[in-house]
N, C-alpha and C. Protein backbone atom coordinates (compact mmCIF):
# COMPACT_ATOMS: atom_id res chain seq x y z
N MET A 1 -20.77 -107.08 120.14
CA MET A 1 -20.71 -106.46 121.41
C MET A 1 -20.26 -104.92 121.17
N ILE A 2 -20.98 -104.06 121.92
CA ILE A 2 -20.57 -102.61 121.82
C ILE A 2 -20.20 -102.17 123.24
N ILE A 3 -19.10 -101.41 123.27
CA ILE A 3 -18.69 -100.91 124.59
C ILE A 3 -18.44 -99.37 124.32
N GLY A 4 -19.18 -98.70 125.11
CA GLY A 4 -19.03 -97.11 125.05
C GLY A 4 -18.29 -96.63 126.34
N ILE A 5 -17.35 -95.83 126.13
CA ILE A 5 -16.61 -95.12 127.15
C ILE A 5 -16.85 -93.73 127.23
N ALA A 6 -17.42 -93.36 128.40
CA ALA A 6 -17.79 -91.87 128.67
C ALA A 6 -16.86 -91.38 129.61
N GLY A 7 -16.63 -90.04 129.58
CA GLY A 7 -15.85 -89.35 130.59
C GLY A 7 -15.32 -88.02 129.98
N GLN A 8 -14.80 -87.11 130.90
CA GLN A 8 -14.28 -85.91 130.42
C GLN A 8 -12.89 -86.08 129.92
N MET A 9 -12.32 -85.02 129.27
CA MET A 9 -11.04 -85.16 128.77
C MET A 9 -10.08 -85.68 129.90
N ARG A 10 -9.07 -86.37 129.50
CA ARG A 10 -7.94 -86.75 130.49
C ARG A 10 -8.46 -87.77 131.55
N THR A 11 -9.54 -88.45 131.31
CA THR A 11 -9.99 -89.45 132.29
C THR A 11 -9.42 -90.85 131.85
N GLY A 12 -8.91 -90.98 130.65
CA GLY A 12 -8.36 -92.25 130.32
C GLY A 12 -9.21 -93.05 129.23
N LYS A 13 -10.03 -92.38 128.56
CA LYS A 13 -11.02 -93.07 127.60
C LYS A 13 -10.20 -93.94 126.47
N SER A 14 -9.45 -93.17 125.71
CA SER A 14 -8.69 -93.84 124.75
C SER A 14 -7.67 -94.78 125.19
N THR A 15 -7.01 -94.49 126.35
CA THR A 15 -6.14 -95.48 126.89
C THR A 15 -6.82 -96.84 127.29
N LEU A 16 -7.89 -96.66 127.90
CA LEU A 16 -8.67 -97.87 128.26
C LEU A 16 -9.14 -98.61 127.07
N ALA A 17 -9.59 -97.87 125.98
CA ALA A 17 -10.06 -98.60 124.78
C ALA A 17 -8.93 -99.41 124.31
N GLN A 18 -7.68 -98.99 124.17
CA GLN A 18 -6.56 -99.65 123.61
C GLN A 18 -6.30 -100.78 124.49
N MET A 19 -6.31 -100.53 125.87
CA MET A 19 -6.03 -101.67 126.76
C MET A 19 -7.07 -102.87 126.59
N LEU A 20 -8.25 -102.48 126.53
CA LEU A 20 -9.38 -103.45 126.29
C LEU A 20 -9.13 -104.27 124.99
N MET A 21 -8.74 -103.53 123.93
CA MET A 21 -8.49 -104.30 122.72
C MET A 21 -7.30 -105.29 122.74
N ARG A 22 -6.24 -104.89 123.38
CA ARG A 22 -5.10 -105.73 123.56
C ARG A 22 -5.29 -106.86 124.62
N GLU A 23 -5.88 -106.60 125.73
CA GLU A 23 -5.85 -107.53 126.75
C GLU A 23 -7.02 -108.41 126.94
N MET A 24 -8.23 -107.76 126.40
CA MET A 24 -9.49 -108.58 126.69
C MET A 24 -9.99 -109.17 125.40
N PHE A 25 -9.82 -108.56 124.19
CA PHE A 25 -10.34 -108.97 123.04
C PHE A 25 -9.33 -109.40 121.96
N ALA A 26 -8.18 -109.79 122.28
CA ALA A 26 -7.08 -110.13 121.42
C ALA A 26 -7.48 -111.15 120.39
N ASP A 27 -8.39 -111.98 120.74
CA ASP A 27 -8.89 -113.19 119.95
C ASP A 27 -10.03 -112.83 119.18
N ARG A 28 -10.55 -111.56 119.09
CA ARG A 28 -11.81 -111.26 118.40
C ARG A 28 -11.36 -110.10 117.42
N THR A 29 -12.27 -109.82 116.48
CA THR A 29 -12.05 -108.67 115.66
C THR A 29 -12.66 -107.46 116.42
N VAL A 30 -11.85 -106.40 116.44
CA VAL A 30 -12.23 -105.24 117.24
C VAL A 30 -11.92 -103.90 116.52
N GLN A 31 -12.96 -103.19 116.56
CA GLN A 31 -12.78 -101.72 116.03
C GLN A 31 -13.04 -100.72 117.13
N ILE A 32 -12.06 -99.80 117.21
CA ILE A 32 -12.21 -98.65 118.13
C ILE A 32 -12.52 -97.50 117.21
N LYS A 33 -13.78 -96.94 117.56
CA LYS A 33 -14.19 -95.75 116.83
C LYS A 33 -14.48 -94.61 117.87
N SER A 34 -14.62 -93.45 117.24
CA SER A 34 -15.05 -92.38 118.11
C SER A 34 -16.16 -91.55 117.32
N PHE A 35 -17.02 -90.95 117.95
CA PHE A 35 -18.07 -90.09 117.35
C PHE A 35 -17.36 -88.92 116.63
N ALA A 36 -16.21 -88.51 117.18
CA ALA A 36 -15.45 -87.43 116.61
C ALA A 36 -14.66 -87.69 115.44
N GLU A 37 -14.65 -88.94 114.90
CA GLU A 37 -13.89 -89.28 113.60
C GLU A 37 -14.48 -88.59 112.54
N GLU A 38 -15.76 -88.61 112.30
CA GLU A 38 -16.35 -87.96 111.18
C GLU A 38 -16.30 -86.46 111.47
N LEU A 39 -16.40 -85.96 112.59
CA LEU A 39 -16.31 -84.55 112.93
C LEU A 39 -14.94 -84.11 112.42
N ARG A 40 -13.92 -84.76 112.77
CA ARG A 40 -12.55 -84.31 112.34
C ARG A 40 -12.51 -84.25 110.84
N LYS A 41 -13.02 -85.29 110.08
CA LYS A 41 -13.07 -85.34 108.74
C LYS A 41 -13.72 -84.10 108.12
N GLU A 42 -14.94 -83.73 108.63
CA GLU A 42 -15.74 -82.71 108.15
C GLU A 42 -15.13 -81.33 108.32
N VAL A 43 -14.56 -81.16 109.55
CA VAL A 43 -13.73 -79.90 109.83
C VAL A 43 -12.54 -79.77 108.88
N ALA A 44 -11.84 -80.88 108.67
CA ALA A 44 -10.67 -80.89 107.76
C ALA A 44 -11.02 -80.58 106.47
N GLU A 45 -12.10 -81.03 105.93
CA GLU A 45 -12.58 -80.78 104.50
C GLU A 45 -13.10 -79.32 104.41
N ALA A 46 -13.63 -78.76 105.41
CA ALA A 46 -14.01 -77.39 105.37
C ALA A 46 -12.91 -76.47 105.40
N ILE A 47 -11.94 -76.70 106.28
CA ILE A 47 -10.79 -75.81 106.44
C ILE A 47 -9.90 -75.91 105.17
N PHE A 48 -9.58 -77.13 104.76
CA PHE A 48 -8.73 -77.37 103.54
C PHE A 48 -9.52 -77.75 102.36
N SER A 49 -10.62 -76.98 102.06
CA SER A 49 -11.53 -77.26 100.99
C SER A 49 -10.85 -77.27 99.63
N HIS A 50 -9.75 -76.61 99.45
CA HIS A 50 -9.03 -76.53 98.21
C HIS A 50 -8.15 -77.72 97.97
N LYS A 51 -8.12 -78.77 98.92
CA LYS A 51 -7.32 -79.84 98.85
C LYS A 51 -8.18 -81.10 98.68
N GLN A 52 -7.57 -82.19 98.12
CA GLN A 52 -8.25 -83.43 98.06
C GLN A 52 -8.49 -83.96 99.51
N LYS A 53 -9.59 -84.66 99.62
CA LYS A 53 -10.04 -85.12 100.97
C LYS A 53 -9.05 -85.78 101.73
N HIS A 54 -8.24 -86.74 101.17
CA HIS A 54 -7.27 -87.46 101.90
C HIS A 54 -6.11 -86.51 102.38
N ILE A 55 -5.78 -85.49 101.65
CA ILE A 55 -4.76 -84.58 102.00
C ILE A 55 -5.21 -83.61 103.01
N ALA A 56 -6.54 -83.21 102.96
CA ALA A 56 -7.11 -82.36 103.98
C ALA A 56 -7.11 -83.07 105.24
N HIS A 57 -7.37 -84.30 105.26
CA HIS A 57 -7.47 -85.16 106.59
C HIS A 57 -5.97 -85.15 107.16
N PHE A 58 -5.04 -85.39 106.35
CA PHE A 58 -3.70 -85.53 106.78
C PHE A 58 -3.24 -84.09 107.30
N LEU A 59 -3.46 -82.98 106.59
CA LEU A 59 -3.06 -81.75 107.05
C LEU A 59 -3.70 -81.31 108.40
N PHE A 60 -5.00 -81.68 108.52
CA PHE A 60 -5.73 -81.31 109.80
C PHE A 60 -5.04 -82.08 110.94
N ALA A 61 -4.91 -83.44 110.64
CA ALA A 61 -4.25 -84.30 111.73
C ALA A 61 -2.94 -83.77 112.14
N GLU A 62 -2.15 -83.21 111.14
CA GLU A 62 -0.90 -82.66 111.50
C GLU A 62 -0.94 -81.44 112.37
N LYS A 63 -1.94 -80.56 111.99
CA LYS A 63 -2.29 -79.28 112.76
C LYS A 63 -2.66 -79.73 114.21
N GLU A 64 -3.56 -80.73 114.29
CA GLU A 64 -4.12 -80.98 115.56
C GLU A 64 -2.94 -81.64 116.44
N THR A 65 -2.03 -82.47 115.77
CA THR A 65 -0.91 -82.88 116.67
C THR A 65 -0.05 -81.79 117.12
N GLU A 66 0.20 -80.73 116.31
CA GLU A 66 0.95 -79.67 116.57
C GLU A 66 0.47 -78.75 117.71
N ASN A 67 -0.94 -78.62 117.75
CA ASN A 67 -1.55 -77.69 118.70
C ASN A 67 -2.94 -78.16 119.05
N LYS A 68 -3.03 -79.20 119.67
CA LYS A 68 -4.35 -79.77 120.15
C LYS A 68 -5.24 -78.78 120.82
N SER A 69 -4.59 -78.01 121.77
CA SER A 69 -5.50 -77.06 122.51
C SER A 69 -6.13 -76.00 121.72
N ALA A 70 -5.48 -75.69 120.54
CA ALA A 70 -6.14 -74.67 119.60
C ALA A 70 -7.28 -75.25 118.72
N ILE A 71 -7.01 -76.57 118.43
CA ILE A 71 -8.01 -77.27 117.60
C ILE A 71 -9.26 -77.73 118.38
N ARG A 72 -9.07 -78.06 119.53
CA ARG A 72 -10.16 -78.60 120.39
C ARG A 72 -11.48 -77.65 120.36
N PRO A 73 -11.25 -76.35 120.55
CA PRO A 73 -12.46 -75.58 120.63
C PRO A 73 -13.16 -75.43 119.22
N LEU A 74 -12.39 -75.59 118.22
CA LEU A 74 -12.99 -75.57 116.88
C LEU A 74 -13.83 -76.85 116.66
N LEU A 75 -13.24 -77.91 117.08
CA LEU A 75 -14.09 -79.24 117.01
C LEU A 75 -15.29 -79.18 117.86
N GLN A 76 -15.27 -78.71 119.06
CA GLN A 76 -16.35 -78.64 119.97
C GLN A 76 -17.48 -77.72 119.45
N ALA A 77 -17.09 -76.56 118.89
CA ALA A 77 -18.06 -75.66 118.19
C ALA A 77 -18.69 -76.25 117.04
N PHE A 78 -17.94 -76.86 116.06
CA PHE A 78 -18.55 -77.41 114.89
C PHE A 78 -19.42 -78.58 115.26
N GLY A 79 -18.96 -79.48 116.16
CA GLY A 79 -19.67 -80.55 116.61
C GLY A 79 -21.07 -80.22 117.20
N GLN A 80 -21.05 -79.28 117.98
CA GLN A 80 -22.24 -78.85 118.68
C GLN A 80 -23.11 -78.09 117.71
N ALA A 81 -22.70 -77.40 116.76
CA ALA A 81 -23.48 -76.80 115.73
C ALA A 81 -24.15 -77.80 114.98
N LYS A 82 -23.66 -78.88 114.56
CA LYS A 82 -24.25 -79.90 113.82
C LYS A 82 -25.40 -80.59 114.63
N ARG A 83 -25.12 -80.79 115.94
CA ARG A 83 -26.09 -81.33 116.93
C ARG A 83 -27.30 -80.43 117.01
N ASP A 84 -27.00 -79.15 117.17
CA ASP A 84 -28.10 -78.14 117.40
C ASP A 84 -28.77 -77.83 116.12
N LEU A 85 -28.26 -77.61 114.98
CA LEU A 85 -28.78 -77.14 113.74
C LEU A 85 -29.30 -78.17 112.82
N VAL A 86 -28.70 -79.37 112.87
CA VAL A 86 -28.95 -80.40 111.86
C VAL A 86 -29.86 -81.49 112.47
N ASP A 87 -29.22 -82.26 113.49
CA ASP A 87 -29.76 -83.24 114.13
C ASP A 87 -28.91 -83.72 115.44
N GLU A 88 -29.61 -83.89 116.52
CA GLU A 88 -28.97 -84.35 117.77
C GLU A 88 -28.15 -85.64 117.50
N ASP A 89 -28.66 -86.49 116.61
CA ASP A 89 -27.95 -87.74 116.38
C ASP A 89 -27.04 -87.80 115.06
N TYR A 90 -26.76 -86.53 114.71
CA TYR A 90 -25.92 -86.46 113.45
C TYR A 90 -24.60 -87.32 113.52
N TRP A 91 -23.88 -87.22 114.65
CA TRP A 91 -22.53 -87.86 114.76
C TRP A 91 -22.80 -89.43 115.16
N VAL A 92 -23.87 -89.68 115.80
CA VAL A 92 -24.23 -91.14 115.98
C VAL A 92 -24.46 -91.79 114.59
N ASP A 93 -25.37 -91.11 113.84
CA ASP A 93 -25.64 -91.62 112.41
C ASP A 93 -24.39 -91.87 111.56
N ALA A 94 -23.46 -90.75 111.84
CA ALA A 94 -22.25 -90.86 111.01
C ALA A 94 -21.39 -92.06 111.39
N LEU A 95 -21.26 -92.35 112.66
CA LEU A 95 -20.61 -93.49 113.14
C LEU A 95 -21.19 -94.85 112.66
N VAL A 96 -22.53 -94.85 112.74
CA VAL A 96 -23.14 -96.05 112.17
C VAL A 96 -23.00 -96.36 110.79
N ARG A 97 -23.00 -95.26 109.97
CA ARG A 97 -22.81 -95.36 108.53
C ARG A 97 -21.46 -95.89 108.12
N ASN A 98 -20.44 -95.38 108.96
CA ASN A 98 -19.08 -95.91 108.62
C ASN A 98 -18.53 -96.93 109.49
N ARG A 99 -19.29 -97.65 110.25
CA ARG A 99 -18.86 -98.74 111.03
C ARG A 99 -18.53 -99.93 110.14
N ILE A 100 -17.51 -100.69 110.48
CA ILE A 100 -17.14 -101.92 109.84
C ILE A 100 -17.64 -103.06 110.76
N PRO A 101 -18.36 -104.07 110.22
CA PRO A 101 -18.79 -105.14 111.10
C PRO A 101 -17.53 -105.80 111.81
N THR A 102 -17.65 -105.93 113.15
CA THR A 102 -16.50 -106.63 113.91
C THR A 102 -17.22 -107.24 115.12
N ASP A 103 -16.52 -108.15 115.75
CA ASP A 103 -16.96 -108.87 116.97
C ASP A 103 -17.29 -107.86 118.02
N VAL A 104 -16.34 -106.89 118.25
CA VAL A 104 -16.42 -105.85 119.19
C VAL A 104 -16.30 -104.46 118.68
N LEU A 105 -17.12 -103.53 119.01
CA LEU A 105 -17.03 -102.14 118.72
C LEU A 105 -16.77 -101.43 120.02
N ILE A 106 -15.63 -100.70 120.14
CA ILE A 106 -15.36 -99.87 121.31
C ILE A 106 -15.51 -98.47 120.84
N ILE A 107 -16.32 -97.71 121.49
CA ILE A 107 -16.42 -96.24 121.20
C ILE A 107 -15.84 -95.44 122.38
N ASP A 108 -14.76 -94.75 122.00
CA ASP A 108 -13.92 -94.23 123.12
C ASP A 108 -14.17 -92.72 123.44
N ASP A 109 -15.39 -92.21 123.03
CA ASP A 109 -15.57 -90.82 123.28
C ASP A 109 -17.12 -90.58 123.43
N VAL A 110 -17.87 -91.28 124.26
CA VAL A 110 -19.16 -91.06 124.50
C VAL A 110 -19.41 -89.77 125.34
N ARG A 111 -19.84 -88.65 124.77
CA ARG A 111 -19.87 -87.47 125.55
C ARG A 111 -21.30 -86.75 125.69
N HIS A 112 -22.23 -87.53 125.07
CA HIS A 112 -23.63 -86.93 125.24
C HIS A 112 -24.69 -88.06 125.53
N LYS A 113 -25.77 -87.68 126.20
CA LYS A 113 -26.74 -88.72 126.60
C LYS A 113 -27.27 -89.53 125.45
N ASN A 114 -27.61 -88.80 124.30
CA ASN A 114 -28.09 -89.56 123.16
C ASN A 114 -26.98 -90.64 122.75
N GLU A 115 -25.77 -90.43 122.76
CA GLU A 115 -24.67 -91.30 122.45
C GLU A 115 -24.68 -92.46 123.41
N ALA A 116 -24.85 -92.17 124.80
CA ALA A 116 -24.89 -93.24 125.67
C ALA A 116 -26.11 -94.10 125.53
N ASP A 117 -27.26 -93.45 125.21
CA ASP A 117 -28.49 -94.20 124.94
C ASP A 117 -28.43 -95.13 123.64
N TRP A 118 -27.67 -94.67 122.71
CA TRP A 118 -27.49 -95.47 121.41
C TRP A 118 -26.73 -96.78 121.83
N VAL A 119 -25.65 -96.65 122.58
CA VAL A 119 -24.79 -97.78 122.96
C VAL A 119 -25.79 -98.75 123.77
N LEU A 120 -26.58 -98.26 124.65
CA LEU A 120 -27.37 -99.10 125.55
C LEU A 120 -28.53 -99.71 124.80
N ALA A 121 -29.10 -98.90 123.84
CA ALA A 121 -30.27 -99.43 123.03
C ALA A 121 -29.76 -100.51 122.12
N ASN A 122 -28.54 -100.60 121.79
CA ASN A 122 -27.97 -101.62 120.90
C ASN A 122 -27.38 -102.76 121.67
N GLY A 123 -27.74 -102.89 122.93
CA GLY A 123 -27.32 -103.97 123.75
C GLY A 123 -25.84 -103.82 124.33
N GLY A 124 -25.27 -102.65 124.24
CA GLY A 124 -23.98 -102.31 124.70
C GLY A 124 -23.80 -102.13 126.15
N ILE A 125 -22.59 -102.01 126.53
CA ILE A 125 -22.16 -101.69 127.91
C ILE A 125 -21.51 -100.37 127.86
N LEU A 126 -21.86 -99.62 128.85
CA LEU A 126 -21.38 -98.08 129.13
C LEU A 126 -20.35 -98.11 130.31
N ILE A 127 -19.23 -97.62 130.05
CA ILE A 127 -18.19 -97.43 131.19
C ILE A 127 -18.09 -95.99 131.33
N ARG A 128 -18.38 -95.45 132.49
CA ARG A 128 -18.20 -93.95 132.80
C ARG A 128 -16.95 -93.85 133.63
N LEU A 129 -15.99 -93.12 132.98
CA LEU A 129 -14.77 -92.78 133.78
C LEU A 129 -14.90 -91.34 134.30
N HIS A 130 -14.28 -91.16 135.46
CA HIS A 130 -14.19 -89.80 136.03
C HIS A 130 -13.01 -89.78 136.82
N ALA A 131 -12.60 -88.52 137.21
CA ALA A 131 -11.31 -88.29 138.02
C ALA A 131 -11.49 -87.01 138.64
N GLN A 132 -10.85 -86.82 139.75
CA GLN A 132 -10.92 -85.63 140.52
C GLN A 132 -10.34 -84.43 139.65
N THR A 133 -10.92 -83.24 139.81
CA THR A 133 -10.57 -82.16 138.97
C THR A 133 -9.14 -81.92 139.03
N ASN A 134 -8.55 -81.83 140.16
CA ASN A 134 -7.04 -81.57 140.30
C ASN A 134 -6.25 -82.65 139.58
N VAL A 135 -6.72 -83.88 139.52
CA VAL A 135 -6.02 -84.82 138.75
C VAL A 135 -6.08 -84.60 137.18
N LEU A 136 -7.37 -84.09 136.73
CA LEU A 136 -7.48 -83.76 135.34
C LEU A 136 -6.56 -82.62 134.96
N TYR A 137 -6.36 -81.74 135.87
CA TYR A 137 -5.53 -80.54 135.59
C TYR A 137 -4.09 -80.98 135.53
N ASP A 138 -3.74 -81.91 136.42
CA ASP A 138 -2.34 -82.50 136.41
C ASP A 138 -2.08 -83.26 135.12
N ARG A 139 -3.10 -83.87 134.57
CA ARG A 139 -2.97 -84.62 133.27
C ARG A 139 -3.01 -83.73 132.02
N GLY A 140 -3.28 -82.45 132.23
CA GLY A 140 -3.15 -81.54 131.16
C GLY A 140 -4.54 -80.90 130.72
N ALA A 141 -5.58 -81.25 131.39
CA ALA A 141 -6.83 -80.62 131.15
C ALA A 141 -6.85 -79.21 131.45
N GLN A 142 -7.53 -78.29 130.74
CA GLN A 142 -7.69 -76.88 130.95
C GLN A 142 -9.09 -76.57 131.43
N PRO A 143 -9.13 -75.61 132.49
CA PRO A 143 -10.45 -75.38 133.07
C PRO A 143 -11.54 -74.93 132.05
N GLU A 144 -11.13 -74.00 131.17
CA GLU A 144 -12.10 -73.57 130.02
C GLU A 144 -12.59 -74.68 129.17
N ARG A 145 -11.80 -75.66 128.81
CA ARG A 145 -12.18 -76.79 128.08
C ARG A 145 -13.06 -77.74 128.94
N LEU A 146 -12.83 -77.95 130.19
CA LEU A 146 -13.67 -78.79 131.13
C LEU A 146 -14.97 -78.18 131.20
N ALA A 147 -15.15 -76.86 131.09
CA ALA A 147 -16.41 -76.16 131.22
C ALA A 147 -17.30 -76.27 129.98
N HIS A 148 -16.71 -76.76 128.86
CA HIS A 148 -17.56 -76.85 127.69
C HIS A 148 -18.70 -77.90 127.84
N TYR A 149 -19.79 -77.63 127.07
CA TYR A 149 -20.89 -78.47 127.21
C TYR A 149 -20.60 -80.05 126.89
N SER A 150 -19.76 -80.19 125.96
CA SER A 150 -19.40 -81.61 125.59
C SER A 150 -18.61 -82.32 126.74
N GLU A 151 -18.06 -81.61 127.66
CA GLU A 151 -17.41 -82.14 128.78
C GLU A 151 -18.29 -82.28 129.93
N THR A 152 -19.47 -81.64 129.98
CA THR A 152 -20.31 -81.61 131.15
C THR A 152 -21.72 -82.35 130.78
N ALA A 153 -21.96 -82.64 129.64
CA ALA A 153 -23.36 -83.11 129.22
C ALA A 153 -23.69 -84.48 129.93
N MET A 154 -22.80 -85.24 130.28
CA MET A 154 -23.01 -86.49 130.95
C MET A 154 -22.76 -86.53 132.38
N GLN A 155 -22.95 -85.36 132.98
CA GLN A 155 -22.88 -85.43 134.54
C GLN A 155 -24.00 -86.08 135.23
N THR A 156 -25.24 -86.18 134.59
CA THR A 156 -26.34 -87.06 135.11
C THR A 156 -26.56 -88.13 134.15
N PRO A 157 -27.23 -89.34 134.62
CA PRO A 157 -27.42 -90.41 133.77
C PRO A 157 -28.38 -90.20 132.65
N SER A 158 -28.25 -90.84 131.48
CA SER A 158 -29.18 -90.70 130.39
C SER A 158 -30.46 -91.54 130.78
N ASP A 159 -31.45 -91.47 129.92
CA ASP A 159 -32.67 -92.20 130.16
C ASP A 159 -32.46 -93.72 130.16
N LEU A 160 -31.71 -94.22 129.26
CA LEU A 160 -31.44 -95.62 129.27
C LEU A 160 -30.43 -96.19 130.35
N GLU A 161 -29.60 -95.29 130.82
CA GLU A 161 -28.88 -95.63 132.05
C GLU A 161 -29.62 -95.94 133.23
N THR A 162 -30.72 -95.22 133.40
CA THR A 162 -31.58 -95.54 134.59
C THR A 162 -32.35 -96.73 134.36
N GLU A 163 -32.67 -97.06 133.00
CA GLU A 163 -33.49 -98.30 132.62
C GLU A 163 -32.58 -99.53 132.75
N TYR A 164 -31.25 -99.38 132.32
CA TYR A 164 -30.28 -100.52 132.39
C TYR A 164 -29.06 -100.27 133.24
N PRO A 165 -29.34 -100.09 134.51
CA PRO A 165 -28.11 -99.66 135.44
C PRO A 165 -27.12 -100.88 135.53
N HIS A 166 -27.60 -102.11 135.24
CA HIS A 166 -26.62 -103.25 135.28
C HIS A 166 -25.66 -103.25 134.18
N ARG A 167 -25.89 -102.54 133.18
CA ARG A 167 -25.08 -102.39 131.97
C ARG A 167 -24.17 -101.19 131.96
N VAL A 168 -24.12 -100.48 133.18
CA VAL A 168 -23.21 -99.31 133.28
C VAL A 168 -22.24 -99.41 134.51
N LEU A 169 -21.10 -99.09 134.22
CA LEU A 169 -20.05 -99.18 135.28
C LEU A 169 -19.39 -97.69 135.47
N SER A 170 -19.22 -97.26 136.64
CA SER A 170 -18.59 -95.94 136.89
C SER A 170 -17.26 -96.15 137.61
N LEU A 171 -16.20 -95.61 137.09
CA LEU A 171 -14.83 -95.83 137.68
C LEU A 171 -14.17 -94.52 137.81
N ASP A 172 -13.58 -94.23 139.05
CA ASP A 172 -12.77 -93.12 139.30
C ASP A 172 -11.35 -93.50 138.96
N THR A 173 -10.80 -92.90 137.98
CA THR A 173 -9.43 -93.22 137.46
C THR A 173 -8.34 -92.37 138.15
N SER A 174 -8.74 -91.69 139.15
CA SER A 174 -7.66 -90.79 139.80
C SER A 174 -6.71 -91.76 140.43
N GLY A 175 -5.43 -91.57 140.16
CA GLY A 175 -4.31 -92.33 140.75
C GLY A 175 -4.24 -93.71 140.12
N MET A 176 -4.96 -94.18 139.06
CA MET A 176 -4.94 -95.37 138.52
C MET A 176 -4.06 -95.39 137.25
N SER A 177 -3.42 -96.47 137.09
CA SER A 177 -2.66 -96.83 135.90
C SER A 177 -3.59 -97.34 134.91
N PRO A 178 -3.31 -97.47 133.52
CA PRO A 178 -4.17 -98.21 132.57
C PRO A 178 -4.33 -99.62 133.01
N LEU A 179 -3.40 -100.26 133.49
CA LEU A 179 -3.55 -101.62 133.84
C LEU A 179 -4.43 -101.69 135.13
N GLY A 180 -4.36 -100.83 136.04
CA GLY A 180 -5.29 -100.77 137.16
C GLY A 180 -6.67 -100.51 136.72
N MET A 181 -6.88 -99.76 135.77
CA MET A 181 -8.30 -99.55 135.23
C MET A 181 -8.84 -100.85 134.75
N PHE A 182 -7.92 -101.43 133.92
CA PHE A 182 -8.27 -102.77 133.27
C PHE A 182 -8.69 -103.87 134.26
N LYS A 183 -7.89 -103.96 135.31
CA LYS A 183 -8.10 -104.95 136.28
C LYS A 183 -9.42 -104.67 137.10
N ARG A 184 -9.71 -103.42 137.39
CA ARG A 184 -11.02 -103.13 138.00
C ARG A 184 -12.22 -103.49 137.07
N LEU A 185 -12.04 -103.24 135.81
CA LEU A 185 -13.13 -103.52 134.90
C LEU A 185 -13.38 -104.85 134.46
N LYS A 186 -12.28 -105.64 134.48
CA LYS A 186 -12.27 -107.00 133.84
C LYS A 186 -13.38 -107.89 134.43
N PRO A 187 -13.60 -108.02 135.69
CA PRO A 187 -14.68 -108.87 136.23
C PRO A 187 -16.11 -108.58 135.70
N PHE A 188 -16.35 -107.18 135.64
CA PHE A 188 -17.62 -106.64 135.22
C PHE A 188 -17.77 -107.07 133.61
N LEU A 189 -16.68 -106.80 132.89
CA LEU A 189 -16.75 -107.12 131.52
C LEU A 189 -16.94 -108.60 131.15
N LEU A 190 -16.14 -109.45 131.89
CA LEU A 190 -16.41 -110.91 131.86
C LEU A 190 -17.85 -111.38 132.12
N GLU A 191 -18.41 -110.68 133.06
CA GLU A 191 -19.85 -111.03 133.42
C GLU A 191 -20.78 -110.52 132.34
N MET A 192 -20.52 -109.38 131.65
CA MET A 192 -21.38 -108.92 130.64
C MET A 192 -21.19 -109.75 129.39
N ILE A 193 -19.91 -110.11 129.14
CA ILE A 193 -19.67 -110.92 127.87
C ILE A 193 -20.39 -112.22 128.01
N GLY A 194 -20.46 -112.84 129.26
CA GLY A 194 -21.13 -114.04 129.45
C GLY A 194 -22.57 -113.85 129.26
N ASP A 195 -23.14 -112.66 129.54
CA ASP A 195 -24.63 -112.32 129.36
C ASP A 195 -24.88 -112.35 127.85
N ASP A 196 -23.89 -111.84 127.05
CA ASP A 196 -24.12 -111.60 125.59
C ASP A 196 -24.11 -112.95 124.83
N GLU A 197 -23.35 -113.87 125.30
CA GLU A 197 -23.11 -115.10 124.64
C GLU A 197 -24.17 -116.12 124.90
């Protein structure tokens, strides 16, 4: 089973992924991945090219923790450049190459239509999270970051979303706790899991 979670920054994607893993799939093998994992590795290796890869990854993660708002534009620019100059599916292919077989794969950062289509084409479920703009600001989102293409690319449905609307759920997370999100989604997911088995 594949579950893709789409939404702008601060809508609760990673929080929901963790909640699903703990509360819904505790008895299954689960992997939470993001399309940005390989992106972070490649950027780390480019910036700290004089270091061994594992050290470069550690140093970059440390810098990102210290100042995420400074690192995000770099990740966005590098990620989009690979999509534009190499292949639109560059990051999808990277995720597929590095995926470990598990019962459930949760992708917590679906940001582009081709990524949503990959989830759905592989029999997955797409959860679209959104929140009111003022709520996103209250949660720490910055206007200039919300305006970036990677934050706006999913404003309209992808091709396969229109073909498989029964495999897509949209949820407004404004004013919701992680537990509230989970409770809203649980009936839908139970129904979809039943369809898969």
